[in-house]
């Protein structure tokens, strides 16, 4: 986003990037939790649960990609070392 665009929007882009990076970290954590859950699930309905968890993991990964793209569009750097 260019300087004029930032002025028109009237927001602090650095603060927005910080919030987006927090959301990015949350999406990665959610992705990991669904993904690892699909690896360790047990029980009679295991196959159905795995399918559902993988779908959720895929959605979370897509969300993370969207956030990273937006951060880059705003001239920021996506979170490299989440803690």
C-alpha atoms as a PDB file:
ATOM      1  CA  UNK A   1       0.000   0.000   0.000  1.00  0.00           C
ATOM      2  CA  UNK A   2       1.432   3.345  -1.010  1.00  0.00           C
ATOM      3  CA  UNK A   3       1.757   6.460   1.131  1.00  0.00           C
ATOM      4  CA  UNK A   4      -1.362   8.089  -0.321  1.00  0.00           C
ATOM      5  CA  UNK A   5      -3.344   4.900   0.205  1.00  0.00           C
ATOM      6  CA  UNK A   6      -2.269   4.808   3.840  1.00  0.00           C
ATOM      7  CA  UNK A   7      -3.341   8.427   4.302  1.00  0.00           C
ATOM      8  CA  UNK A   8      -6.728   7.771   2.693  1.00  0.00           C
ATOM      9  CA  UNK A   9      -7.401   4.756   4.895  1.00  0.00           C
ATOM     10  CA  UNK A  10      -6.350   6.728   7.964  1.00  0.00           C
ATOM     11  CA  UNK A  11      -4.930   3.846   9.991  1.00  0.00           C
ATOM     12  CA  UNK A  12      -1.578   3.112  11.527  1.00  0.00           C
ATOM     13  CA  UNK A  13      -0.304   0.439   9.170  1.00  0.00           C
ATOM     14  CA  UNK A  14       2.365  -0.734  11.609  1.00  0.00           C
ATOM     15  CA  UNK A  15      -0.286  -1.430  14.239  1.00  0.00           C
ATOM     16  CA  UNK A  16      -2.402  -3.231  11.643  1.00  0.00           C
ATOM     17  CA  UNK A  17       0.567  -5.381  10.614  1.00  0.00           C
ATOM     18  CA  UNK A  18       1.166  -6.254  14.267  1.00  0.00           C
ATOM     19  CA  UNK A  19      -2.451  -7.371  14.678  1.00  0.00           C
ATOM     20  CA  UNK A  20      -2.309  -9.345  11.429  1.00  0.00           C
ATOM     21  CA  UNK A  21       0.879 -11.068  12.578  1.00  0.00           C
ATOM     22  CA  UNK A  22      -0.834 -12.096  15.821  1.00  0.00           C
ATOM     23  CA  UNK A  23      -3.673 -13.535  13.757  1.00  0.00           C
ATOM     24  CA  UNK A  24      -1.116 -15.292  11.527  1.00  0.00           C
ATOM     25  CA  UNK A  25       0.460 -16.951  14.570  1.00  0.00           C
ATOM     26  CA  UNK A  26      -3.001 -18.068  15.737  1.00  0.00           C
ATOM     27  CA  UNK A  27      -3.777 -19.566  12.330  1.00  0.00           C
ATOM     28  CA  UNK A  28      -0.495 -21.488  12.299  1.00  0.00           C
ATOM     29  CA  UNK A  29      -1.189 -22.825  15.780  1.00  0.00           C
ATOM     30  CA  UNK A  30      -4.699 -23.879  14.767  1.00  0.00           C
ATOM     31  CA  UNK A  31      -3.315 -25.547  11.640  1.00  0.00           C
ATOM     32  CA  UNK A  32      -0.794 -27.484  13.706  1.00  0.00           C
ATOM     33  CA  UNK A  33      -3.370 -28.571  16.274  1.00  0.00           C
ATOM     34  CA  UNK A  34      -5.739 -29.926  13.621  1.00  0.00           C
ATOM     35  CA  UNK A  35      -2.886 -31.526  11.673  1.00  0.00           C
ATOM     36  CA  UNK A  36      -1.342 -33.266  14.674  1.00  0.00           C
ATOM     37  CA  UNK A  37      -4.784 -34.306  15.877  1.00  0.00           C
ATOM     38  CA  UNK A  38      -5.340 -36.069  12.565  1.00  0.00           C
ATOM     39  CA  UNK A  39      -2.066 -37.945  13.068  1.00  0.00           C
ATOM     40  CA  UNK A  40      -2.855 -39.257  16.553  1.00  0.00           C
ATOM     41  CA  UNK A  41      -6.617 -39.830  16.502  1.00  0.00           C
ATOM     42  CA  UNK A  42      -7.826 -43.293  17.501  1.00  0.00           C
ATOM     43  CA  UNK A  43     -11.161 -45.023  17.688  1.00  0.00           C
ATOM     44  CA  UNK A  44     -13.938 -46.562  15.689  1.00  0.00           C
ATOM     45  CA  UNK A  45     -14.679 -43.397  13.691  1.00  0.00           C
ATOM     46  CA  UNK A  46     -11.005 -42.641  13.115  1.00  0.00           C
ATOM     47  CA  UNK A  47     -11.247 -42.273   9.335  1.00  0.00           C
ATOM     48  CA  UNK A  48     -14.138 -39.808   9.474  1.00  0.00           C
ATOM     49  CA  UNK A  49     -12.422 -37.777  12.177  1.00  0.00           C
ATOM     50  CA  UNK A  50      -9.156 -37.691  10.226  1.00  0.00           C
ATOM     51  CA  UNK A  51     -10.987 -36.402   7.161  1.00  0.00           C
ATOM     52  CA  UNK A  52     -12.665 -33.659   9.196  1.00  0.00           C
ATOM     53  CA  UNK A  53      -9.465 -32.614  10.959  1.00  0.00           C
ATOM     54  CA  UNK A  54      -7.502 -32.473   7.695  1.00  0.00           C
ATOM     55  CA  UNK A  55     -10.212 -30.266   6.178  1.00  0.00           C
ATOM     56  CA  UNK A  56     -10.014 -27.891   9.135  1.00  0.00           C
ATOM     57  CA  UNK A  57      -6.207 -27.882   8.943  1.00  0.00           C
ATOM     58  CA  UNK A  58      -6.382 -27.033   5.243  1.00  0.00           C
ATOM     59  CA  UNK A  59      -8.742 -24.131   5.976  1.00  0.00           C
ATOM     60  CA  UNK A  60      -6.435 -22.765   8.683  1.00  0.00           C
ATOM     61  CA  UNK A  61      -3.425 -22.993   6.367  1.00  0.00           C
ATOM     62  CA  UNK A  62      -5.367 -21.102   3.682  1.00  0.00           C
ATOM     63  CA  UNK A  63      -6.221 -18.412   6.244  1.00  0.00           C
ATOM     64  CA  UNK A  64      -2.540 -18.140   7.196  1.00  0.00           C
ATOM     65  CA  UNK A  65      -1.638 -17.667   3.547  1.00  0.00           C
ATOM     66  CA  UNK A  66      -4.209 -14.921   3.151  1.00  0.00           C
ATOM     67  CA  UNK A  67      -2.872 -13.103   6.214  1.00  0.00           C
ATOM     68  CA  UNK A  68       0.731 -13.399   5.027  1.00  0.00           C
ATOM     69  CA  UNK A  69      -0.269 -12.005   1.624  1.00  0.00           C
ATOM     70  CA  UNK A  70      -2.038  -9.036   3.221  1.00  0.00           C
ATOM     71  CA  UNK A  71       0.925  -8.297   5.485  1.00  0.00           C
ATOM     72  CA  UNK A  72       3.212  -8.264   2.449  1.00  0.00           C
ATOM     73  CA  UNK A  73       0.778  -6.029   0.543  1.00  0.00           C
ATOM     74  CA  UNK A  74       0.952  -3.551   3.420  1.00  0.00           C
ATOM     75  CA  UNK A  75       4.747  -3.505   3.232  1.00  0.00           C
ATOM     76  CA  UNK A  76       5.274  -5.574   6.370  1.00  0.00           C
ATOM     77  CA  UNK A  77       7.037  -8.821   7.079  1.00  0.00           C
ATOM     78  CA  UNK A  78       5.086 -11.905   8.081  1.00  0.00           C
ATOM     79  CA  UNK A  79       5.994 -13.317  11.460  1.00  0.00           C
ATOM     80  CA  UNK A  80       9.141 -15.419  11.116  1.00  0.00           C
ATOM     81  CA  UNK A  81       9.624 -16.643  14.689  1.00  0.00           C
ATOM     82  CA  UNK A  82       6.279 -17.170  16.425  1.00  0.00           C
ATOM     83  CA  UNK A  83       6.486 -17.673  20.178  1.00  0.00           C
END
